[in-house]
Amino acid sequence: MKEITITTSFVEYENLNELDASSQKMMQLAILARKKAYAPYSKFTVGCAILLDNGKVVEGSNQENAAYPSGLCAERVAIFYAGANYPDAKILKLFISASPVDRDLEQPIPPCGSCRQSIAEYEIKQDQDIEIYFMGGKGKIYKSNSLKNILPFMFDKKYL
């Protein structure tokens, strides 16, 4: 038996003002998308903005359904829209803002497991890392240079 240690690294920004102008704008779009979420059951809203290599920006927000788990997370709404409408474009950067409706969480909220797997699929498909920025409702922002930092043991097509 041997122990395996996996190390990941993230960049931490204290707030939006520490991001470059382009990233500030993208995170603001994620925050605005969060305000469009349909979350009557969980009261937890998520917004996502994606920058594609063709210059297009795609946004998504979580969309719940009384018949759980029929709803869809913001990240997957945006990723699947991008894949359906811009199938040859690569995802360069993904921005996420998440928080309950009754308060602004200040700690960064990463993508859920299903979203991590979906992001992994596109990162593998395009053979290029996707920068992922995530935050709560306000405060600190974490940046990962790749989904591999968030999901080091990715399940992909090589296992099929």
C-alpha atoms as a PDB file:
ATOM      1  CA  MET A   1       0.000   0.000   0.000  1.00  0.00           C
ATOM      2  CA  LYS A   2       1.119   3.556  -0.649  1.00  0.00           C
ATOM      3  CA  GLU A   3      -0.443   6.910  -0.062  1.00  0.00           C
ATOM      4  CA  ILE A   4      -1.059   9.184  -3.022  1.00  0.00           C
ATOM      5  CA  THR A   5      -1.073  12.928  -2.472  1.00  0.00           C
ATOM      6  CA  ILE A   6      -2.783  15.216  -4.950  1.00  0.00           C
ATOM      7  CA  THR A   7      -2.103  18.932  -4.818  1.00  0.00           C
ATOM      8  CA  THR A   8      -4.167  21.612  -6.513  1.00  0.00           C
ATOM      9  CA  SER A   9      -3.677  25.331  -6.678  1.00  0.00           C
ATOM     10  CA  PHE A  10      -5.993  28.266  -7.129  1.00  0.00           C
ATOM     11  CA  VAL A  11      -5.539  32.004  -7.393  1.00  0.00           C
ATOM     12  CA  GLU A  12      -7.547  33.966  -4.820  1.00  0.00           C
ATOM     13  CA  TYR A  13      -8.793  37.477  -5.538  1.00  0.00           C
ATOM     14  CA  GLU A  14     -10.118  39.534  -2.630  1.00  0.00           C
ATOM     15  CA  ASN A  15     -12.935  40.994  -4.740  1.00  0.00           C
ATOM     16  CA  LEU A  16     -14.007  41.944  -8.259  1.00  0.00           C
ATOM     17  CA  ASN A  17     -11.681  44.955  -8.313  1.00  0.00           C
ATOM     18  CA  GLU A  18      -8.616  42.695  -8.341  1.00  0.00           C
ATOM     19  CA  LEU A  19      -9.682  41.048 -11.616  1.00  0.00           C
ATOM     20  CA  ASP A  20      -8.596  42.489 -14.967  1.00  0.00           C
ATOM     21  CA  ALA A  21     -11.263  44.562 -16.759  1.00  0.00           C
ATOM     22  CA  SER A  22     -12.369  41.730 -19.068  1.00  0.00           C
ATOM     23  CA  SER A  23     -12.740  39.254 -16.195  1.00  0.00           C
ATOM     24  CA  GLN A  24     -14.607  41.848 -14.108  1.00  0.00           C
ATOM     25  CA  LYS A  25     -17.094  42.286 -16.948  1.00  0.00           C
ATOM     26  CA  MET A  26     -17.550  38.526 -17.315  1.00  0.00           C
ATOM     27  CA  MET A  27     -18.109  38.030 -13.581  1.00  0.00           C
ATOM     28  CA  GLN A  28     -20.620  40.890 -13.596  1.00  0.00           C
ATOM     29  CA  LEU A  29     -22.474  39.022 -16.357  1.00  0.00           C
ATOM     30  CA  ALA A  30     -22.478  35.890 -14.183  1.00  0.00           C
ATOM     31  CA  ILE A  31     -23.881  37.933 -11.290  1.00  0.00           C
ATOM     32  CA  LEU A  32     -26.617  39.357 -13.540  1.00  0.00           C
ATOM     33  CA  ALA A  33     -27.390  35.877 -14.865  1.00  0.00           C
ATOM     34  CA  ARG A  34     -27.749  34.688 -11.256  1.00  0.00           C
ATOM     35  CA  LYS A  35     -30.504  37.249 -10.756  1.00  0.00           C
ATOM     36  CA  LYS A  36     -32.431  35.575 -13.630  1.00  0.00           C
ATOM     37  CA  ALA A  37     -32.349  32.137 -11.991  1.00  0.00           C
ATOM     38  CA  TYR A  38     -35.557  30.229 -11.451  1.00  0.00           C
ATOM     39  CA  ALA A  39     -35.040  28.752  -7.992  1.00  0.00           C
ATOM     40  CA  PRO A  40     -38.394  28.693  -6.180  1.00  0.00           C
ATOM     41  CA  TYR A  41     -37.593  25.466  -4.298  1.00  0.00           C
ATOM     42  CA  SER A  42     -33.993  25.731  -3.155  1.00  0.00           C
ATOM     43  CA  LYS A  43     -33.893  29.545  -3.107  1.00  0.00           C
ATOM     44  CA  PHE A  44     -30.244  29.112  -4.185  1.00  0.00           C
ATOM     45  CA  THR A  45     -29.373  31.056  -7.326  1.00  0.00           C
ATOM     46  CA  VAL A  46     -26.450  30.486  -9.663  1.00  0.00           C
ATOM     47  CA  GLY A  47     -25.317  32.437 -12.700  1.00  0.00           C
ATOM     48  CA  CYS A  48     -22.686  31.547 -15.253  1.00  0.00           C
ATOM     49  CA  ALA A  49     -21.001  33.446 -18.089  1.00  0.00           C
ATOM     50  CA  ILE A  50     -18.768  31.708 -20.614  1.00  0.00           C
ATOM     51  CA  LEU A  51     -16.243  33.303 -22.961  1.00  0.00           C
ATOM     52  CA  LEU A  52     -15.756  31.403 -26.220  1.00  0.00           C
ATOM     53  CA  ASP A  53     -12.742  31.600 -28.512  1.00  0.00           C
ATOM     54  CA  ASN A  54     -14.907  33.195 -31.220  1.00  0.00           C
ATOM     55  CA  GLY A  55     -15.513  36.173 -28.899  1.00  0.00           C
ATOM     56  CA  LYS A  56     -19.101  35.193 -28.096  1.00  0.00           C
ATOM     57  CA  VAL A  57     -20.333  35.257 -24.512  1.00  0.00           C
ATOM     58  CA  VAL A  58     -22.954  32.774 -23.342  1.00  0.00           C
ATOM     59  CA  GLU A  59     -24.848  33.096 -20.085  1.00  0.00           C
ATOM     60  CA  GLY A  60     -26.923  30.682 -18.054  1.00  0.00           C
ATOM     61  CA  SER A  61     -28.773  30.512 -14.760  1.00  0.00           C
ATOM     62  CA  ASN A  62     -30.077  27.584 -12.761  1.00  0.00           C
ATOM     63  CA  GLN A  63     -33.582  26.462 -13.693  1.00  0.00           C
ATOM     64  CA  GLU A  64     -35.388  24.342 -11.107  1.00  0.00           C
ATOM     65  CA  ASN A  65     -38.358  22.055 -11.474  1.00  0.00           C
ATOM     66  CA  ALA A  66     -40.748  20.598  -8.906  1.00  0.00           C
ATOM     67  CA  ALA A  67     -39.939  17.170 -10.363  1.00  0.00           C
ATOM     68  CA  TYR A  68     -36.395  16.909  -9.011  1.00  0.00           C
ATOM     69  CA  PRO A  69     -33.914  16.365 -10.665  1.00  0.00           C
ATOM     70  CA  SER A  70     -35.465  17.723 -13.852  1.00  0.00           C
ATOM     71  CA  GLY A  71     -33.926  21.160 -13.358  1.00  0.00           C
ATOM     72  CA  LEU A  72     -30.540  22.209 -14.648  1.00  0.00           C
ATOM     73  CA  CYS A  73     -27.603  24.083 -13.148  1.00  0.00           C
ATOM     74  CA  ALA A  74     -26.414  27.410 -14.549  1.00  0.00           C
ATOM     75  CA  GLU A  75     -23.096  26.013 -15.723  1.00  0.00           C
ATOM     76  CA  ARG A  76     -24.724  23.249 -17.741  1.00  0.00           C
ATOM     77  CA  VAL A  77     -27.368  25.596 -19.165  1.00  0.00           C
ATOM     78  CA  ALA A  78     -24.567  27.807 -20.509  1.00  0.00           C
ATOM     79  CA  ILE A  79     -22.230  24.989 -21.593  1.00  0.00           C
ATOM     80  CA  PHE A  80     -24.936  23.073 -23.438  1.00  0.00           C
ATOM     81  CA  TYR A  81     -26.202  26.254 -25.114  1.00  0.00           C
ATOM     82  CA  ALA A  82     -22.657  27.007 -26.268  1.00  0.00           C
ATOM     83  CA  GLY A  83     -22.187  23.432 -27.503  1.00  0.00           C
ATOM     84  CA  ALA A  84     -25.503  23.472 -29.379  1.00  0.00           C
ATOM     85  CA  ASN A  85     -25.088  26.894 -30.959  1.00  0.00           C
ATOM     86  CA  TYR A  86     -21.315  27.153 -31.392  1.00  0.00           C
ATOM     87  CA  PRO A  87     -20.214  23.510 -31.760  1.00  0.00           C
ATOM     88  CA  ASP A  88     -16.767  24.373 -33.117  1.00  0.00           C
ATOM     89  CA  ALA A  89     -15.964  27.092 -30.583  1.00  0.00           C
ATOM     90  CA  LYS A  90     -13.744  26.416 -27.595  1.00  0.00           C
ATOM     91  CA  ILE A  91     -14.622  27.519 -24.082  1.00  0.00           C
ATOM     92  CA  LEU A  92     -11.832  29.760 -22.824  1.00  0.00           C
ATOM     93  CA  LYS A  93     -13.178  30.971 -19.491  1.00  0.00           C
ATOM     94  CA  LEU A  94     -16.134  30.167 -17.270  1.00  0.00           C
ATOM     95  CA  PHE A  95     -17.388  32.533 -14.530  1.00  0.00           C
ATOM     96  CA  ILE A  96     -19.760  31.470 -11.745  1.00  0.00           C
ATOM     97  CA  SER A  97     -21.592  33.401  -9.028  1.00  0.00           C
ATOM     98  CA  ALA A  98     -23.783  31.516  -6.535  1.00  0.00           C
ATOM     99  CA  SER A  99     -25.719  32.520  -3.435  1.00  0.00           C
ATOM    100  CA  PRO A 100     -29.026  32.029  -1.625  1.00  0.00           C
ATOM    101  CA  VAL A 101     -31.688  34.641  -2.387  1.00  0.00           C
ATOM    102  CA  ASP A 102     -31.860  35.855   1.221  1.00  0.00           C
ATOM    103  CA  ARG A 103     -28.174  36.757   1.620  1.00  0.00           C
ATOM    104  CA  ASP A 104     -24.906  37.131  -0.284  1.00  0.00           C
ATOM    105  CA  LEU A 105     -22.504  34.355   0.621  1.00  0.00           C
ATOM    106  CA  GLU A 106     -18.953  35.635   0.741  1.00  0.00           C
ATOM    107  CA  GLN A 107     -17.114  32.351   0.229  1.00  0.00           C
ATOM    108  CA  PRO A 108     -16.478  31.106  -3.318  1.00  0.00           C
ATOM    109  CA  ILE A 109     -18.897  28.381  -4.441  1.00  0.00           C
ATOM    110  CA  PRO A 110     -17.437  25.840  -6.894  1.00  0.00           C
ATOM    111  CA  PRO A 111     -19.440  23.924  -9.504  1.00  0.00           C
ATOM    112  CA  CYS A 112     -21.389  20.872  -8.296  1.00  0.00           C
ATOM    113  CA  GLY A 113     -20.331  17.356  -9.267  1.00  0.00           C
ATOM    114  CA  SER A 114     -22.606  17.103 -12.324  1.00  0.00           C
ATOM    115  CA  CYS A 115     -21.342  20.437 -13.617  1.00  0.00           C
ATOM    116  CA  ARG A 116     -17.745  19.400 -12.995  1.00  0.00           C
ATOM    117  CA  GLN A 117     -18.287  16.324 -15.149  1.00  0.00           C
ATOM    118  CA  SER A 118     -19.870  18.425 -17.906  1.00  0.00           C
ATOM    119  CA  ILE A 119     -17.026  20.939 -17.828  1.00  0.00           C
ATOM    120  CA  ALA A 120     -14.572  18.016 -17.931  1.00  0.00           C
ATOM    121  CA  GLU A 121     -16.260  16.664 -21.060  1.00  0.00           C
ATOM    122  CA  TYR A 122     -15.790  19.945 -22.898  1.00  0.00           C
ATOM    123  CA  GLU A 123     -12.229  20.418 -21.651  1.00  0.00           C
ATOM    124  CA  ILE A 124     -11.376  16.960 -22.975  1.00  0.00           C
ATOM    125  CA  LYS A 125     -13.347  17.461 -26.218  1.00  0.00           C
ATOM    126  CA  GLN A 126     -11.545  20.680 -27.053  1.00  0.00           C
ATOM    127  CA  ASP A 127      -8.168  19.425 -25.780  1.00  0.00           C
ATOM    128  CA  GLN A 128      -7.660  22.742 -24.020  1.00  0.00           C
ATOM    129  CA  ASP A 129      -7.964  23.822 -20.409  1.00  0.00           C
ATOM    130  CA  ILE A 130     -10.842  26.034 -19.312  1.00  0.00           C
ATOM    131  CA  GLU A 131     -10.141  28.764 -16.767  1.00  0.00           C
ATOM    132  CA  ILE A 132     -12.819  28.682 -14.079  1.00  0.00           C
ATOM    133  CA  TYR A 133     -13.573  31.677 -11.840  1.00  0.00           C
ATOM    134  CA  PHE A 134     -16.072  31.205  -9.023  1.00  0.00           C
ATOM    135  CA  MET A 135     -17.470  33.287  -6.187  1.00  0.00           C
ATOM    136  CA  GLY A 136     -20.408  33.523  -3.829  1.00  0.00           C
ATOM    137  CA  GLY A 137     -22.671  36.559  -3.992  1.00  0.00           C
ATOM    138  CA  LYS A 138     -19.810  38.902  -3.182  1.00  0.00           C
ATOM    139  CA  GLY A 139     -16.299  38.837  -1.814  1.00  0.00           C
ATOM    140  CA  LYS A 140     -13.452  36.517  -2.731  1.00  0.00           C
ATOM    141  CA  ILE A 141     -13.093  34.908  -6.131  1.00  0.00           C
ATOM    142  CA  TYR A 142     -11.141  31.727  -6.818  1.00  0.00           C
ATOM    143  CA  LYS A 143      -9.590  30.986 -10.178  1.00  0.00           C
ATOM    144  CA  SER A 144      -8.631  27.515 -11.350  1.00  0.00           C
ATOM    145  CA  ASN A 145      -6.577  27.170 -14.522  1.00  0.00           C
ATOM    146  CA  SER A 146      -8.334  23.915 -15.365  1.00  0.00           C
ATOM    147  CA  LEU A 147     -11.145  21.677 -14.245  1.00  0.00           C
ATOM    148  CA  LYS A 148      -8.421  19.159 -13.366  1.00  0.00           C
ATOM    149  CA  ASN A 149      -7.700  21.217 -10.218  1.00  0.00           C
ATOM    150  CA  ILE A 150     -11.290  20.865  -9.052  1.00  0.00           C
ATOM    151  CA  LEU A 151     -11.813  17.289 -10.229  1.00  0.00           C
ATOM    152  CA  PRO A 152      -8.404  15.579 -10.281  1.00  0.00           C
ATOM    153  CA  PHE A 153      -9.776  12.094 -10.975  1.00  0.00           C
ATOM    154  CA  MET A 154     -11.868  12.948 -14.023  1.00  0.00           C
ATOM    155  CA  PHE A 155     -13.972  10.240 -15.615  1.00  0.00           C
ATOM    156  CA  ASP A 156     -13.622  10.427 -19.374  1.00  0.00           C
ATOM    157  CA  LYS A 157     -13.962   8.426 -22.582  1.00  0.00           C
ATOM    158  CA  LYS A 158     -10.691   6.544 -22.053  1.00  0.00           C
ATOM    159  CA  TYR A 159     -12.513   4.432 -19.450  1.00  0.00           C
ATOM    160  CA  LEU A 160     -15.344   3.433 -21.789  1.00  0.00           C
END
